[in-house]
Amino acid sequence: DAPDPQDMRNMGGLRKKIPATFWTFLIGALALSGLAPLAGFFSKDEILVAAQEKSLGVFIVLIAAAFLTAFYMGRQVLLVFFGKPRSAAAEHAHENPALITIPLAVLALLSAFGGALNLPGVHTLEHWLEHTLEVAPAKFVLWIALLSLAVLALAYALAWLLYGRKPRATAKEADPLAARLGGLYRALEARWKVDELYAWLIVRPYERTAEFFSSIFDLKFINALGDGLGGLVQTLSAAASRLQNGFVRSYTLVFLVGVAAILAYLLLR
């Protein structure tokens, strides 16, 4: 089978082939990772400050999540845009038309400068929304900001050590994390069997229920009920059709029977 062109393990080397997409993607990836002064940094920083004030456990979980997000984005950038193409689709890739690259550029600019709405001491967006949301502007805590940037730098450095220092030569080459994480990597690759669990709990019972209603309830009950009603109507219509057979003698007989019944009623009442 041909390799899936949407699988980033089959990409590589796209930095020179689609440069506009590369730069816009890189800005978005850095913003999502929370690099200052891009927009994602301020939103992440405010969340970390609020978590640190409420719960140390939640704060630690969010720091770990920030590390994993930055590591994944670094891994993605390195696998997709650096190294050599690992499939024919990547080898023959070409830049998107302006219809796509212009919106990407607009989104990249917003990712880059959107955080200026909430610069420390400015909080333009929060001041605009404070009468609706009734919340005070978030505080800027220097040590949390520095910690989040250090976590980001560590995640990107680890991503480069694993995927950038020695880029993958082929799509079939084992992932550098596979040997290091062992069973955890296989569990993550299998998505903790969430899809299989969902299929077992939701999809298969739904399919069995649908099969029951379609093959048993629908065919043996609904169709039988419809066929029975149709047969009953045919029987009643056949019986009623005998009353109108087109023969004058039959109508005369019915007329005489009716007259006799009326006379008997009048005489015997």
Protein backbone atom coordinates (compact mmCIF):
# COMPACT_ATOMS: atom_id res chain seq x y z
CA ASP A 1 0.00 0.00 0.00
CA ALA A 2 1.09 3.57 -0.69
CA PRO A 3 2.17 5.48 2.44
CA ASP A 4 -0.39 7.85 3.90
CA PRO A 5 0.62 11.38 2.76
CA GLN A 6 -1.17 12.84 5.81
CA ASP A 7 1.04 10.88 8.23
CA MET A 8 3.83 13.23 9.29
CA ARG A 9 6.18 10.26 9.63
CA ASN A 10 5.97 10.06 5.82
CA MET A 11 6.74 13.74 5.26
CA GLY A 12 10.05 15.52 5.82
CA GLY A 13 11.95 18.17 3.89
CA LEU A 14 8.92 20.40 3.31
CA ARG A 15 10.60 23.56 4.60
CA LYS A 16 12.04 24.39 1.17
CA LYS A 17 9.13 23.06 -0.85
CA ILE A 18 6.36 24.99 0.91
CA PRO A 19 8.16 27.91 2.60
CA ALA A 20 5.09 30.10 3.16
CA THR A 21 3.27 27.27 4.88
CA PHE A 22 6.41 26.46 6.88
CA TRP A 23 6.82 29.95 8.33
CA THR A 24 3.15 30.38 9.18
CA PHE A 25 3.07 26.90 10.73
CA LEU A 26 6.22 27.64 12.73
CA ILE A 27 4.72 30.83 14.17
CA GLY A 28 1.55 28.96 15.10
CA ALA A 29 3.53 26.11 16.67
CA LEU A 30 5.63 28.50 18.77
CA ALA A 31 2.52 30.40 19.84
CA LEU A 32 0.77 27.16 20.80
CA SER A 33 3.86 26.15 22.75
CA GLY A 34 3.66 29.39 24.72
CA LEU A 35 6.78 31.21 23.55
CA ALA A 36 6.96 34.86 24.66
CA PRO A 37 5.84 37.32 23.40
CA LEU A 38 3.48 35.34 21.15
CA ALA A 39 -0.23 35.14 22.02
CA GLY A 40 -0.10 31.65 23.50
CA PHE A 41 2.41 32.73 26.14
CA PHE A 42 0.01 35.17 27.81
CA SER A 43 -2.96 32.82 27.83
CA LYS A 44 -0.82 29.96 29.22
CA ASP A 45 0.81 32.24 31.78
CA GLU A 46 -2.53 33.44 33.14
CA ILE A 47 -3.80 29.88 33.45
CA LEU A 48 -0.65 28.83 35.33
CA VAL A 49 -0.91 31.80 37.70
CA ALA A 50 -4.54 31.02 38.48
CA ALA A 51 -3.73 27.32 39.01
CA GLN A 52 -0.78 28.09 41.29
CA GLU A 53 -3.03 30.20 43.52
CA LYS A 54 -5.68 27.48 43.79
CA SER A 55 -3.94 24.10 43.73
CA LEU A 56 -0.32 23.00 43.60
CA GLY A 57 -1.31 19.63 42.13
CA VAL A 58 -3.20 21.24 39.24
CA PHE A 59 -0.27 23.61 38.69
CA ILE A 60 2.15 20.67 38.37
CA VAL A 61 -0.18 18.85 35.95
CA LEU A 62 -0.46 21.98 33.80
CA ILE A 63 3.33 22.44 33.74
CA ALA A 64 3.65 18.82 32.58
CA ALA A 65 0.98 19.44 29.93
CA ALA A 66 2.85 22.54 28.75
CA PHE A 67 6.03 20.47 28.43
CA LEU A 68 4.28 17.76 26.41
CA THR A 69 2.61 20.34 24.16
CA ALA A 70 5.90 22.06 23.40
CA PHE A 71 7.67 18.73 22.86
CA TYR A 72 4.96 17.50 20.49
CA MET A 73 4.99 20.74 18.48
CA GLY A 74 8.79 20.64 18.22
CA ARG A 75 8.64 17.01 17.12
CA GLN A 76 6.00 17.85 14.54
CA VAL A 77 7.96 20.75 13.05
CA LEU A 78 11.11 18.65 12.81
CA LEU A 79 9.40 15.60 11.30
CA VAL A 80 7.35 17.53 8.77
CA PHE A 81 9.65 20.31 7.59
CA PHE A 82 13.25 19.19 8.21
CA GLY A 83 15.37 16.30 7.02
CA LYS A 84 14.74 14.68 3.65
CA PRO A 85 11.39 13.72 2.07
CA ARG A 86 10.37 10.25 3.20
CA SER A 87 7.69 9.63 0.56
CA ALA A 88 6.92 10.47 -3.05
CA ALA A 89 4.14 12.83 -1.94
CA ALA A 90 6.60 14.83 0.17
CA GLU A 91 9.18 14.78 -2.63
CA HIS A 92 6.73 16.33 -5.11
CA ALA A 93 4.95 18.70 -2.71
CA HIS A 94 4.34 22.28 -3.89
CA GLU A 95 3.26 25.48 -2.21
CA ASN A 96 -0.43 26.20 -1.61
CA PRO A 97 -2.19 28.89 -3.65
CA ALA A 98 -2.78 32.37 -2.23
CA LEU A 99 -6.35 31.37 -1.32
CA ILE A 100 -4.81 29.27 1.46
CA THR A 101 -1.51 31.00 2.26
CA ILE A 102 -3.07 34.47 2.80
CA PRO A 103 -5.48 33.25 5.54
CA LEU A 104 -2.57 31.32 7.05
CA ALA A 105 -0.52 34.51 7.14
CA VAL A 106 -3.38 36.41 8.81
CA LEU A 107 -3.70 33.69 11.45
CA ALA A 108 0.06 33.71 11.99
CA LEU A 109 0.01 37.48 12.54
CA LEU A 110 -2.80 37.14 15.06
CA SER A 111 -0.89 34.37 16.81
CA ALA A 112 2.18 36.57 16.92
CA PHE A 113 0.66 39.88 18.01
CA GLY A 114 -2.68 38.91 19.55
CA GLY A 115 -1.02 38.66 22.95
CA ALA A 116 -0.41 42.41 22.91
CA LEU A 117 -4.07 42.79 23.93
CA ASN A 118 -3.11 41.43 27.34
CA LEU A 119 0.39 42.73 27.91
CA PRO A 120 1.17 43.17 31.62
CA GLY A 121 -0.16 46.53 32.75
CA VAL A 122 -2.34 46.90 29.63
CA HIS A 123 -4.97 44.10 29.68
CA THR A 124 -6.99 45.71 26.90
CA LEU A 125 -9.11 42.65 26.27
CA GLU A 126 -9.85 41.96 29.93
CA HIS A 127 -10.77 45.59 30.61
CA TRP A 128 -13.16 45.45 27.68
CA LEU A 129 -14.78 42.26 29.01
CA GLU A 130 -14.64 43.00 32.75
CA HIS A 131 -18.18 44.40 32.92
CA THR A 132 -19.51 41.29 31.23
CA LEU A 133 -17.37 38.64 32.90
CA GLU A 134 -16.91 40.49 36.21
CA VAL A 135 -13.32 39.32 36.60
CA ALA A 136 -10.21 41.28 37.49
CA PRO A 137 -7.23 41.26 35.12
CA ALA A 138 -4.87 38.39 35.77
CA LYS A 139 -1.60 39.06 37.55
CA PHE A 140 1.81 38.67 35.95
CA VAL A 141 4.12 36.51 38.09
CA LEU A 142 7.69 36.64 36.86
CA TRP A 143 8.90 33.32 38.25
CA ILE A 144 5.98 31.43 36.69
CA ALA A 145 6.65 33.08 33.32
CA LEU A 146 10.34 32.16 33.54
CA LEU A 147 9.47 28.60 34.60
CA SER A 148 7.10 28.14 31.66
CA LEU A 149 9.75 29.43 29.24
CA ALA A 150 12.34 27.10 30.76
CA VAL A 151 9.94 24.16 30.34
CA LEU A 152 9.38 25.17 26.71
CA ALA A 153 13.13 25.42 26.06
CA LEU A 154 13.70 22.01 27.65
CA ALA A 155 10.92 20.45 25.55
CA TYR A 156 12.24 21.89 22.29
CA ALA A 157 15.81 20.87 23.16
CA LEU A 158 14.64 17.31 23.81
CA ALA A 159 12.68 17.30 20.55
CA TRP A 160 15.77 18.43 18.65
CA LEU A 161 18.00 15.82 20.32
CA LEU A 162 15.61 13.03 19.35
CA TYR A 163 14.36 14.20 15.94
CA GLY A 164 16.53 17.06 14.71
CA ARG A 165 20.11 16.04 15.42
CA LYS A 166 19.72 12.87 13.33
CA PRO A 167 16.62 13.16 11.13
CA ARG A 168 14.78 9.99 10.19
CA ALA A 169 15.97 8.60 6.85
CA THR A 170 12.87 6.55 6.06
CA ALA A 171 9.28 6.41 7.23
CA LYS A 172 9.75 2.84 8.49
CA GLU A 173 12.61 3.78 10.79
CA ALA A 174 11.72 3.19 14.46
CA ASP A 175 10.72 6.24 16.47
CA PRO A 176 13.54 7.30 18.84
CA LEU A 177 11.10 7.24 21.75
CA ALA A 178 10.09 3.62 21.14
CA ALA A 179 13.19 2.07 22.70
CA ARG A 180 13.36 4.64 25.51
CA LEU A 181 9.74 4.44 26.66
CA GLY A 182 9.08 0.77 25.93
CA GLY A 183 5.61 -0.28 27.04
CA LEU A 184 4.55 3.30 27.69
CA TYR A 185 5.30 4.19 24.06
CA ARG A 186 3.27 1.22 22.82
CA ALA A 187 0.39 2.22 25.09
CA LEU A 188 0.51 5.78 23.81
CA GLU A 189 0.78 4.59 20.21
CA ALA A 190 -2.31 2.42 20.81
CA ARG A 191 -4.01 5.49 22.37
CA TRP A 192 -4.52 3.54 25.62
CA LYS A 193 -6.99 1.37 23.65
CA VAL A 194 -9.54 4.16 23.95
CA ASP A 195 -10.84 3.48 20.44
CA GLU A 196 -11.28 -0.23 21.19
CA LEU A 197 -13.00 0.55 24.49
CA TYR A 198 -15.31 3.02 22.76
CA ALA A 199 -16.11 0.42 20.09
CA TRP A 200 -16.85 -2.21 22.76
CA LEU A 201 -18.99 0.06 24.96
CA ILE A 202 -20.75 2.18 22.34
CA VAL A 203 -20.32 1.11 18.73
CA ARG A 204 -20.89 -2.65 19.00
CA PRO A 205 -23.99 -2.43 21.28
CA TYR A 206 -25.39 0.19 18.92
CA GLU A 207 -24.71 -2.03 15.90
CA ARG A 208 -26.32 -5.06 17.58
CA THR A 209 -29.36 -2.98 18.55
CA ALA A 210 -29.66 -1.60 15.03
CA GLU A 211 -29.32 -5.13 13.58
CA PHE A 212 -32.07 -6.40 15.90
CA PHE A 213 -34.48 -3.66 14.90
CA SER A 214 -33.65 -3.95 11.20
CA SER A 215 -33.58 -7.74 10.79
CA ILE A 216 -36.00 -8.94 13.49
CA PHE A 217 -38.28 -6.19 14.71
CA ASP A 218 -38.62 -4.44 11.36
CA LEU A 219 -38.89 -7.50 9.10
CA LYS A 220 -40.82 -9.87 11.37
CA PHE A 221 -43.06 -7.43 13.20
CA ILE A 222 -43.41 -4.16 11.31
CA ASN A 223 -43.52 -5.82 7.89
CA ALA A 224 -45.81 -8.60 9.16
CA LEU A 225 -48.15 -6.00 10.64
CA GLY A 226 -48.22 -4.12 7.37
CA ASP A 227 -48.78 -7.29 5.36
CA GLY A 228 -51.56 -8.35 7.76
CA LEU A 229 -53.36 -5.04 7.43
CA GLY A 230 -53.04 -5.27 3.66
CA GLY A 231 -54.51 -8.80 3.69
CA LEU A 232 -57.38 -7.70 5.93
CA VAL A 233 -58.25 -4.84 3.60
CA GLN A 234 -58.18 -7.22 0.63
CA THR A 235 -60.52 -9.66 2.41
CA LEU A 236 -62.95 -6.93 3.39
CA SER A 237 -62.89 -5.40 -0.07
CA ALA A 238 -63.52 -8.82 -1.67
CA ALA A 239 -66.53 -9.36 0.61
CA ALA A 240 -67.86 -5.86 -0.01
CA SER A 241 -67.40 -6.21 -3.76
CA ARG A 242 -70.09 -8.90 -3.81
CA LEU A 243 -72.68 -6.29 -2.90
CA GLN A 244 -72.00 -4.51 -6.18
CA ASN A 245 -71.69 -7.21 -8.79
CA GLY A 246 -73.48 -5.41 -11.64
CA PHE A 247 -76.43 -7.86 -11.90
CA VAL A 248 -79.94 -6.32 -11.80
CA ARG A 249 -81.39 -9.45 -10.22
CA SER A 250 -79.07 -9.11 -7.26
CA TYR A 251 -80.04 -5.50 -6.74
CA THR A 252 -83.77 -6.41 -7.08
CA LEU A 253 -83.36 -9.15 -4.50
CA VAL A 254 -81.68 -6.74 -2.08
CA PHE A 255 -84.47 -4.22 -2.75
CA LEU A 256 -87.20 -6.84 -2.02
CA VAL A 257 -85.41 -7.98 1.14
CA GLY A 258 -85.19 -4.37 2.28
CA VAL A 259 -88.90 -3.72 1.58
CA ALA A 260 -89.84 -6.92 3.40
CA ALA A 261 -87.71 -5.91 6.38
CA ILE A 262 -89.38 -2.50 6.53
CA LEU A 263 -92.91 -4.00 6.31
CA ALA A 264 -92.07 -6.55 9.01
CA TYR A 265 -90.83 -3.77 11.24
CA LEU A 266 -93.96 -1.68 10.71
CA LEU A 267 -96.30 -4.64 11.30
CA LEU A 268 -94.54 -6.05 14.34
CA ARG A 269 -93.59 -3.00 16.29
